């Protein structure tokens, strides 16, 4: 299981994904992250880890400023009684902590079935920003390279307009 941003960035380089990494103080919410966006090109994200009553797991990745109604998202992605997953499950499945959830963490999910949902509106942008497994940096990649990363991780995903 990858633990550090250096390990992740090394993999991005190995699979020929261009990125820019921006260090900043630790952030735990979208509001805190917004304070550190100056000079970072591209759109920013919020990454939500859910489970449903059947214990299915979902990673929903959307624009940071997009309001999310859990019941509506659940209906669109076929989940029943979806709720936020507990931090211990997040750590076990994605190797992440609250505040550092990221689609990059799917590299740690190889022994778990996680349905990744990428918001179509977010994916229409050229440059996307995510935490590189830690909440003390933001990494910019292209939307095409996010797909390339998912494929490298052998992670299925859906692009849905949320």
N, C-alpha and C. Protein backbone atom coordinates (compact mmCIF):
# COMPACT_ATOMS: atom_id res chain seq x y z
N UNK A 1 0.85 -1.18 0.00
CA UNK A 1 0.00 0.00 0.00
C UNK A 1 0.89 1.24 0.00
N UNK A 2 0.63 2.14 -0.95
CA UNK A 2 1.40 3.38 -1.00
C UNK A 2 1.04 4.26 0.18
N UNK A 3 2.02 4.87 0.76
CA UNK A 3 1.79 5.72 1.92
C UNK A 3 2.20 7.17 1.67
N UNK A 4 3.11 7.41 0.74
CA UNK A 4 3.66 8.75 0.61
C UNK A 4 3.38 9.35 -0.75
N UNK A 5 3.41 10.66 -0.77
CA UNK A 5 3.24 11.33 -2.06
C UNK A 5 4.44 11.06 -2.96
N UNK A 6 5.63 10.89 -2.40
CA UNK A 6 6.80 10.60 -3.23
C UNK A 6 6.62 9.29 -4.00
N UNK A 7 6.07 8.28 -3.33
CA UNK A 7 5.81 7.00 -4.00
C UNK A 7 4.82 7.18 -5.14
N UNK A 8 3.75 7.95 -4.89
CA UNK A 8 2.76 8.21 -5.91
C UNK A 8 3.36 8.98 -7.08
N UNK A 9 4.08 10.05 -6.80
CA UNK A 9 4.65 10.87 -7.87
C UNK A 9 5.63 10.07 -8.72
N UNK A 10 6.34 9.16 -8.09
CA UNK A 10 7.26 8.29 -8.83
C UNK A 10 6.48 7.43 -9.83
N UNK A 11 5.34 6.90 -9.39
CA UNK A 11 4.50 6.09 -10.29
C UNK A 11 3.96 6.95 -11.43
N UNK A 12 3.51 8.16 -11.13
CA UNK A 12 3.02 9.04 -12.19
C UNK A 12 4.11 9.25 -13.25
N UNK A 13 5.33 9.47 -12.80
CA UNK A 13 6.45 9.65 -13.73
C UNK A 13 6.68 8.37 -14.53
N UNK A 14 6.66 7.23 -13.88
CA UNK A 14 6.91 5.95 -14.54
C UNK A 14 5.89 5.65 -15.64
N UNK A 15 4.64 6.09 -15.45
CA UNK A 15 3.62 5.80 -16.45
C UNK A 15 3.38 7.01 -17.37
N UNK A 16 4.34 7.93 -17.35
CA UNK A 16 4.37 9.06 -18.29
C UNK A 16 3.17 10.00 -18.14
N UNK A 17 2.86 10.31 -16.89
CA UNK A 17 1.82 11.31 -16.60
C UNK A 17 2.51 12.58 -16.14
N UNK A 18 2.25 13.66 -16.87
CA UNK A 18 2.77 14.97 -16.48
C UNK A 18 1.96 15.49 -15.31
N UNK A 19 2.62 16.07 -14.35
CA UNK A 19 1.94 16.62 -13.19
C UNK A 19 2.72 17.82 -12.67
N UNK A 20 2.03 18.63 -11.90
CA UNK A 20 2.65 19.70 -11.13
C UNK A 20 2.20 19.52 -9.70
N UNK A 21 3.15 19.55 -8.78
CA UNK A 21 2.83 19.35 -7.37
C UNK A 21 3.03 20.66 -6.62
N UNK A 22 2.05 21.02 -5.80
CA UNK A 22 2.06 22.27 -5.03
C UNK A 22 1.97 21.93 -3.55
N UNK A 23 2.99 22.26 -2.79
CA UNK A 23 2.97 22.03 -1.34
C UNK A 23 2.19 23.16 -0.66
N UNK A 24 1.50 22.84 0.43
CA UNK A 24 0.77 23.83 1.23
C UNK A 24 0.53 23.26 2.62
N UNK A 25 0.06 24.08 3.55
CA UNK A 25 -0.26 23.55 4.89
C UNK A 25 -1.36 22.49 4.81
N UNK A 26 -1.44 21.66 5.81
CA UNK A 26 -2.47 20.62 5.86
C UNK A 26 -3.86 21.24 5.80
N UNK A 27 -4.73 20.63 4.99
CA UNK A 27 -6.12 21.07 4.88
C UNK A 27 -7.02 19.85 5.08
N UNK A 28 -8.16 20.08 5.69
CA UNK A 28 -9.07 18.98 5.98
C UNK A 28 -10.44 19.15 5.35
N UNK A 29 -10.72 20.33 4.81
CA UNK A 29 -12.01 20.59 4.18
C UNK A 29 -11.79 21.34 2.88
N UNK A 30 -12.82 21.34 2.05
CA UNK A 30 -12.77 22.11 0.80
C UNK A 30 -12.55 23.59 1.12
N UNK A 31 -13.20 24.08 2.16
CA UNK A 31 -13.06 25.49 2.53
C UNK A 31 -11.61 25.82 2.88
N UNK A 32 -10.96 24.97 3.64
CA UNK A 32 -9.54 25.19 3.98
C UNK A 32 -8.67 25.12 2.73
N UNK A 33 -8.95 24.17 1.86
CA UNK A 33 -8.17 24.02 0.63
C UNK A 33 -8.30 25.25 -0.27
N UNK A 34 -9.50 25.86 -0.28
CA UNK A 34 -9.72 27.04 -1.12
C UNK A 34 -8.74 28.17 -0.80
N UNK A 35 -8.23 28.21 0.42
CA UNK A 35 -7.30 29.25 0.83
C UNK A 35 -5.93 29.10 0.16
N UNK A 36 -5.69 27.96 -0.47
CA UNK A 36 -4.37 27.66 -1.03
C UNK A 36 -4.39 27.41 -2.54
N UNK A 37 -5.44 27.85 -3.22
CA UNK A 37 -5.58 27.61 -4.66
C UNK A 37 -4.88 28.64 -5.54
N UNK A 38 -4.47 29.75 -4.97
CA UNK A 38 -3.87 30.81 -5.79
C UNK A 38 -2.63 30.27 -6.51
N UNK A 39 -2.59 30.51 -7.82
CA UNK A 39 -1.46 30.09 -8.63
C UNK A 39 -1.54 28.65 -9.10
N UNK A 40 -2.62 27.95 -8.79
CA UNK A 40 -2.79 26.57 -9.23
C UNK A 40 -3.84 26.54 -10.34
N UNK A 41 -3.40 26.17 -11.54
CA UNK A 41 -4.33 26.09 -12.68
C UNK A 41 -5.23 24.89 -12.54
N UNK A 42 -6.41 24.97 -13.18
CA UNK A 42 -7.34 23.85 -13.23
C UNK A 42 -8.41 23.94 -12.16
N UNK A 43 -9.33 22.97 -12.23
CA UNK A 43 -10.44 22.92 -11.27
C UNK A 43 -10.04 22.06 -10.07
N UNK A 44 -10.67 22.34 -8.97
CA UNK A 44 -10.39 21.61 -7.72
C UNK A 44 -11.54 20.66 -7.43
N UNK A 45 -11.25 19.68 -6.61
CA UNK A 45 -12.20 18.59 -6.42
C UNK A 45 -12.60 18.40 -4.97
N UNK A 46 -13.69 17.67 -4.82
CA UNK A 46 -14.02 17.07 -3.53
C UNK A 46 -14.21 15.60 -3.82
N UNK A 47 -13.75 14.79 -2.89
CA UNK A 47 -13.69 13.35 -3.06
C UNK A 47 -14.39 12.72 -1.87
N UNK A 48 -15.45 12.00 -2.15
CA UNK A 48 -16.32 11.50 -1.10
C UNK A 48 -16.35 9.97 -1.14
N UNK A 49 -16.09 9.35 0.00
CA UNK A 49 -16.04 7.90 0.10
C UNK A 49 -17.29 7.43 0.83
N UNK A 50 -18.10 6.63 0.14
CA UNK A 50 -19.39 6.17 0.68
C UNK A 50 -19.46 4.65 0.72
N UNK A 51 -20.39 4.18 1.54
CA UNK A 51 -20.80 2.78 1.47
C UNK A 51 -22.32 2.77 1.53
N UNK A 52 -22.90 1.69 1.02
CA UNK A 52 -24.35 1.59 1.10
C UNK A 52 -24.75 0.43 2.00
N UNK A 53 -26.06 0.21 2.12
CA UNK A 53 -26.53 -0.80 3.08
C UNK A 53 -26.10 -2.21 2.69
N UNK A 54 -25.74 -2.42 1.41
CA UNK A 54 -25.24 -3.73 0.97
C UNK A 54 -23.72 -3.82 1.09
N UNK A 55 -23.11 -2.80 1.72
CA UNK A 55 -21.67 -2.72 1.94
C UNK A 55 -20.87 -2.52 0.65
N UNK A 56 -21.55 -2.02 -0.39
CA UNK A 56 -20.84 -1.60 -1.60
C UNK A 56 -20.11 -0.30 -1.29
N UNK A 57 -18.94 -0.13 -1.90
CA UNK A 57 -18.12 1.05 -1.65
C UNK A 57 -18.08 1.93 -2.90
N UNK A 58 -18.09 3.25 -2.68
CA UNK A 58 -18.12 4.21 -3.77
C UNK A 58 -17.15 5.35 -3.47
N UNK A 59 -16.38 5.74 -4.47
CA UNK A 59 -15.57 6.95 -4.40
C UNK A 59 -16.14 7.91 -5.43
N UNK A 60 -16.73 9.00 -4.96
CA UNK A 60 -17.37 9.98 -5.83
C UNK A 60 -16.44 11.20 -5.90
N UNK A 61 -16.07 11.57 -7.13
CA UNK A 61 -15.12 12.66 -7.35
C UNK A 61 -15.83 13.71 -8.19
N UNK A 62 -15.93 14.92 -7.64
CA UNK A 62 -16.65 15.99 -8.32
C UNK A 62 -15.96 17.32 -8.08
N UNK A 63 -16.54 18.36 -8.63
CA UNK A 63 -15.99 19.71 -8.45
C UNK A 63 -16.14 20.15 -7.00
N UNK A 64 -15.13 20.86 -6.51
CA UNK A 64 -15.11 21.25 -5.09
C UNK A 64 -16.29 22.12 -4.69
N UNK A 65 -16.80 22.91 -5.63
CA UNK A 65 -17.88 23.84 -5.29
C UNK A 65 -19.26 23.32 -5.66
N UNK A 66 -19.35 22.07 -6.05
CA UNK A 66 -20.63 21.51 -6.47
C UNK A 66 -21.39 20.96 -5.26
N UNK A 67 -22.62 21.44 -5.06
CA UNK A 67 -23.41 20.89 -3.96
C UNK A 67 -23.77 19.43 -4.25
N UNK A 68 -23.67 18.59 -3.24
CA UNK A 68 -23.97 17.17 -3.39
C UNK A 68 -25.10 16.80 -2.44
N UNK A 69 -26.12 16.20 -3.01
CA UNK A 69 -27.20 15.64 -2.21
C UNK A 69 -27.05 14.13 -2.26
N UNK A 70 -26.75 13.54 -1.12
CA UNK A 70 -26.39 12.13 -1.08
C UNK A 70 -27.49 11.24 -1.68
N UNK A 71 -28.74 11.50 -1.37
CA UNK A 71 -29.83 10.68 -1.90
C UNK A 71 -29.89 10.74 -3.42
N UNK A 72 -29.68 11.93 -3.99
CA UNK A 72 -29.71 12.08 -5.45
C UNK A 72 -28.53 11.35 -6.09
N UNK A 73 -27.34 11.49 -5.50
CA UNK A 73 -26.16 10.80 -6.02
C UNK A 73 -26.37 9.29 -5.93
N UNK A 74 -26.89 8.82 -4.81
CA UNK A 74 -27.12 7.39 -4.63
C UNK A 74 -28.05 6.85 -5.72
N UNK A 75 -29.09 7.59 -6.02
CA UNK A 75 -30.03 7.17 -7.06
C UNK A 75 -29.33 7.09 -8.42
N UNK A 76 -28.49 8.08 -8.73
CA UNK A 76 -27.80 8.11 -10.03
C UNK A 76 -26.78 6.98 -10.18
N UNK A 77 -26.20 6.55 -9.07
CA UNK A 77 -25.14 5.53 -9.17
C UNK A 77 -25.61 4.14 -8.74
N UNK A 78 -26.90 4.02 -8.40
CA UNK A 78 -27.45 2.71 -8.08
C UNK A 78 -27.13 2.21 -6.69
N UNK A 79 -27.00 3.11 -5.74
CA UNK A 79 -26.72 2.72 -4.36
C UNK A 79 -28.00 2.81 -3.53
N UNK A 80 -28.07 1.99 -2.50
CA UNK A 80 -29.23 1.99 -1.59
C UNK A 80 -28.79 2.43 -0.21
N UNK A 81 -29.46 3.46 0.34
CA UNK A 81 -29.15 3.95 1.69
C UNK A 81 -27.66 4.24 1.85
N UNK A 82 -27.13 5.09 1.00
CA UNK A 82 -25.70 5.41 1.00
C UNK A 82 -25.39 6.40 2.12
N UNK A 83 -24.22 6.20 2.74
CA UNK A 83 -23.76 7.12 3.79
C UNK A 83 -22.24 7.19 3.72
N UNK A 84 -21.67 8.17 4.38
CA UNK A 84 -20.21 8.29 4.41
C UNK A 84 -19.62 7.08 5.11
N UNK A 85 -18.54 6.54 4.54
CA UNK A 85 -17.84 5.43 5.17
C UNK A 85 -17.04 5.95 6.36
N UNK A 86 -16.87 5.11 7.34
CA UNK A 86 -16.12 5.49 8.54
C UNK A 86 -14.62 5.59 8.23
N UNK A 87 -13.89 6.43 8.99
CA UNK A 87 -12.45 6.62 8.75
C UNK A 87 -11.64 5.33 8.75
N UNK A 88 -12.01 4.35 9.60
CA UNK A 88 -11.23 3.11 9.62
C UNK A 88 -11.39 2.32 8.32
N UNK A 89 -12.57 2.36 7.72
CA UNK A 89 -12.79 1.71 6.43
C UNK A 89 -12.05 2.45 5.32
N UNK A 90 -12.05 3.76 5.38
CA UNK A 90 -11.30 4.59 4.43
C UNK A 90 -9.82 4.24 4.48
N UNK A 91 -9.27 4.10 5.69
CA UNK A 91 -7.86 3.75 5.85
C UNK A 91 -7.58 2.34 5.33
N UNK A 92 -8.47 1.41 5.64
CA UNK A 92 -8.28 0.02 5.22
C UNK A 92 -8.32 -0.14 3.70
N UNK A 93 -9.29 0.51 3.06
CA UNK A 93 -9.52 0.31 1.62
C UNK A 93 -8.64 1.19 0.76
N UNK A 94 -8.54 2.47 1.10
CA UNK A 94 -7.81 3.42 0.25
C UNK A 94 -6.49 3.89 0.86
N UNK A 95 -6.23 3.51 2.11
CA UNK A 95 -5.00 3.95 2.74
C UNK A 95 -4.97 5.45 2.95
N UNK A 96 -6.13 6.02 3.20
CA UNK A 96 -6.26 7.48 3.29
C UNK A 96 -6.90 7.88 4.61
N UNK A 97 -6.77 9.16 4.91
CA UNK A 97 -7.43 9.74 6.08
C UNK A 97 -8.45 10.77 5.61
N UNK A 98 -9.45 11.08 6.44
CA UNK A 98 -10.36 12.16 6.08
C UNK A 98 -9.56 13.45 5.81
N UNK A 99 -9.92 14.14 4.75
CA UNK A 99 -9.20 15.35 4.37
C UNK A 99 -8.15 15.11 3.31
N UNK A 100 -7.81 13.84 3.07
CA UNK A 100 -6.81 13.52 2.04
C UNK A 100 -7.36 12.53 1.02
N UNK A 101 -8.69 12.34 1.00
CA UNK A 101 -9.29 11.41 0.06
C UNK A 101 -9.03 11.92 -1.36
N UNK A 102 -8.70 10.99 -2.25
CA UNK A 102 -8.26 11.36 -3.58
C UNK A 102 -8.47 10.19 -4.53
N UNK A 103 -8.72 10.45 -5.81
CA UNK A 103 -8.79 9.32 -6.75
C UNK A 103 -7.45 8.61 -6.90
N UNK A 104 -6.35 9.27 -6.56
CA UNK A 104 -5.05 8.61 -6.59
C UNK A 104 -4.99 7.43 -5.63
N UNK A 105 -5.82 7.43 -4.59
CA UNK A 105 -5.81 6.37 -3.59
C UNK A 105 -6.34 5.04 -4.12
N UNK A 106 -6.95 5.04 -5.31
CA UNK A 106 -7.42 3.76 -5.86
C UNK A 106 -6.25 2.82 -6.11
N UNK A 107 -5.05 3.34 -6.19
CA UNK A 107 -3.88 2.49 -6.34
C UNK A 107 -3.73 1.53 -5.15
N UNK A 108 -4.33 1.90 -4.02
CA UNK A 108 -4.29 1.07 -2.81
C UNK A 108 -5.47 0.12 -2.69
N UNK A 109 -6.43 0.19 -3.61
CA UNK A 109 -7.69 -0.54 -3.46
C UNK A 109 -7.74 -1.85 -4.22
N UNK A 110 -6.58 -2.40 -4.60
CA UNK A 110 -6.59 -3.57 -5.48
C UNK A 110 -7.30 -4.78 -4.89
N UNK A 111 -7.37 -4.91 -3.59
CA UNK A 111 -8.06 -6.06 -2.98
C UNK A 111 -9.48 -5.73 -2.54
N UNK A 112 -9.99 -4.59 -3.00
CA UNK A 112 -11.33 -4.16 -2.61
C UNK A 112 -12.10 -3.74 -3.86
N UNK A 113 -13.40 -3.93 -3.81
CA UNK A 113 -14.26 -3.54 -4.91
C UNK A 113 -14.82 -2.15 -4.61
N UNK A 114 -14.28 -1.15 -5.29
CA UNK A 114 -14.71 0.23 -5.11
C UNK A 114 -15.23 0.74 -6.44
N UNK A 115 -16.44 1.24 -6.44
CA UNK A 115 -17.00 1.84 -7.66
C UNK A 115 -16.57 3.31 -7.66
N UNK A 116 -15.76 3.70 -8.65
CA UNK A 116 -15.31 5.08 -8.76
C UNK A 116 -16.23 5.81 -9.72
N UNK A 117 -16.76 6.94 -9.26
CA UNK A 117 -17.65 7.77 -10.05
C UNK A 117 -16.99 9.12 -10.25
N UNK A 118 -16.69 9.44 -11.51
CA UNK A 118 -16.11 10.73 -11.86
C UNK A 118 -17.20 11.60 -12.45
N UNK A 119 -17.35 12.80 -11.92
CA UNK A 119 -18.38 13.72 -12.39
C UNK A 119 -18.03 14.18 -13.81
N UNK A 120 -18.97 14.01 -14.71
CA UNK A 120 -18.77 14.39 -16.12
C UNK A 120 -18.41 15.87 -16.25
N UNK A 121 -19.06 16.71 -15.46
CA UNK A 121 -18.78 18.15 -15.52
C UNK A 121 -17.32 18.44 -15.14
N UNK A 122 -16.80 17.73 -14.15
CA UNK A 122 -15.39 17.89 -13.78
C UNK A 122 -14.48 17.40 -14.90
N UNK A 123 -14.81 16.27 -15.49
CA UNK A 123 -13.96 15.66 -16.51
C UNK A 123 -13.94 16.45 -17.82
N UNK A 124 -14.85 17.40 -17.98
CA UNK A 124 -14.85 18.26 -19.16
C UNK A 124 -13.76 19.33 -19.10
N UNK A 125 -13.09 19.44 -17.97
CA UNK A 125 -12.01 20.41 -17.79
C UNK A 125 -10.68 19.78 -18.17
N UNK A 126 -9.75 20.60 -18.66
CA UNK A 126 -8.44 20.09 -19.08
C UNK A 126 -7.58 19.69 -17.89
N UNK A 127 -7.56 20.53 -16.84
CA UNK A 127 -6.68 20.28 -15.70
C UNK A 127 -7.49 20.07 -14.43
N UNK A 128 -7.10 19.03 -13.68
CA UNK A 128 -7.78 18.64 -12.45
C UNK A 128 -6.77 18.63 -11.31
N UNK A 129 -7.25 18.91 -10.10
CA UNK A 129 -6.38 18.97 -8.92
C UNK A 129 -6.88 18.03 -7.84
N UNK A 130 -5.92 17.23 -7.30
CA UNK A 130 -6.23 16.26 -6.25
C UNK A 130 -5.08 16.22 -5.25
N UNK A 131 -5.37 15.77 -4.05
CA UNK A 131 -4.30 15.53 -3.08
C UNK A 131 -3.50 14.30 -3.52
N UNK A 132 -2.18 14.34 -3.37
CA UNK A 132 -1.34 13.19 -3.71
C UNK A 132 -1.15 12.24 -2.53
N UNK A 133 -2.25 11.71 -2.01
CA UNK A 133 -2.30 10.80 -0.87
C UNK A 133 -2.10 11.49 0.47
N UNK A 134 -1.76 12.75 0.46
CA UNK A 134 -1.60 13.54 1.68
C UNK A 134 -2.35 14.85 1.50
N UNK A 135 -2.73 15.47 2.61
CA UNK A 135 -3.47 16.73 2.52
C UNK A 135 -2.57 17.95 2.67
N UNK A 136 -1.28 17.77 2.44
CA UNK A 136 -0.33 18.89 2.52
C UNK A 136 0.19 19.27 1.14
N UNK A 137 -0.49 18.82 0.10
CA UNK A 137 -0.10 19.16 -1.27
C UNK A 137 -1.30 18.97 -2.18
N UNK A 138 -1.21 19.59 -3.35
CA UNK A 138 -2.19 19.44 -4.40
C UNK A 138 -1.43 19.13 -5.68
N UNK A 139 -1.91 18.12 -6.41
CA UNK A 139 -1.26 17.69 -7.64
C UNK A 139 -2.20 17.93 -8.82
N UNK A 140 -1.67 18.61 -9.83
CA UNK A 140 -2.43 18.93 -11.04
C UNK A 140 -2.07 17.93 -12.14
N UNK A 141 -3.11 17.33 -12.73
CA UNK A 141 -2.93 16.45 -13.89
C UNK A 141 -4.04 16.75 -14.89
N UNK A 142 -3.91 16.24 -16.10
CA UNK A 142 -4.97 16.43 -17.09
C UNK A 142 -6.09 15.42 -16.84
N UNK A 143 -7.27 15.72 -17.33
CA UNK A 143 -8.39 14.79 -17.18
C UNK A 143 -8.09 13.48 -17.93
N UNK A 144 -7.43 13.58 -19.08
CA UNK A 144 -7.05 12.36 -19.81
C UNK A 144 -6.08 11.51 -19.00
N UNK A 145 -5.16 12.18 -18.29
CA UNK A 145 -4.21 11.44 -17.47
C UNK A 145 -4.86 10.81 -16.24
N UNK A 146 -5.95 11.38 -15.75
CA UNK A 146 -6.68 10.72 -14.66
C UNK A 146 -7.22 9.38 -15.16
N UNK A 147 -7.77 9.37 -16.36
CA UNK A 147 -8.26 8.13 -16.95
C UNK A 147 -7.11 7.15 -17.13
N UNK A 148 -5.98 7.64 -17.62
CA UNK A 148 -4.80 6.79 -17.80
C UNK A 148 -4.37 6.18 -16.45
N UNK A 149 -4.41 6.98 -15.39
CA UNK A 149 -4.04 6.49 -14.05
C UNK A 149 -5.01 5.40 -13.60
N UNK A 150 -6.31 5.63 -13.79
CA UNK A 150 -7.31 4.62 -13.40
C UNK A 150 -7.05 3.31 -14.14
N UNK A 151 -6.76 3.41 -15.42
CA UNK A 151 -6.48 2.22 -16.22
C UNK A 151 -5.20 1.53 -15.74
N UNK A 152 -4.18 2.30 -15.40
CA UNK A 152 -2.95 1.72 -14.86
C UNK A 152 -3.23 0.94 -13.58
N UNK A 153 -4.11 1.45 -12.76
CA UNK A 153 -4.46 0.81 -11.49
C UNK A 153 -5.46 -0.34 -11.69
N UNK A 154 -5.85 -0.54 -12.94
CA UNK A 154 -6.87 -1.56 -13.26
C UNK A 154 -8.15 -1.30 -12.49
N UNK A 155 -8.48 -0.01 -12.38
CA UNK A 155 -9.66 0.42 -11.63
C UNK A 155 -10.76 0.82 -12.60
N UNK A 156 -11.89 0.14 -12.48
CA UNK A 156 -13.04 0.54 -13.26
C UNK A 156 -13.60 1.85 -12.74
N UNK A 157 -14.21 2.60 -13.62
CA UNK A 157 -14.81 3.87 -13.22
C UNK A 157 -15.95 4.19 -14.17
N UNK A 158 -16.80 5.08 -13.72
CA UNK A 158 -17.89 5.60 -14.55
C UNK A 158 -17.81 7.10 -14.55
N UNK A 159 -18.10 7.69 -15.70
CA UNK A 159 -18.22 9.14 -15.79
C UNK A 159 -19.70 9.43 -15.90
N UNK A 160 -20.22 10.12 -14.89
CA UNK A 160 -21.65 10.39 -14.77
C UNK A 160 -21.83 11.88 -14.45
N UNK A 161 -22.84 12.48 -15.04
CA UNK A 161 -23.16 13.87 -14.68
C UNK A 161 -23.92 13.85 -13.36
N UNK A 162 -23.27 14.38 -12.33
CA UNK A 162 -23.89 14.40 -10.99
C UNK A 162 -24.72 15.66 -10.79
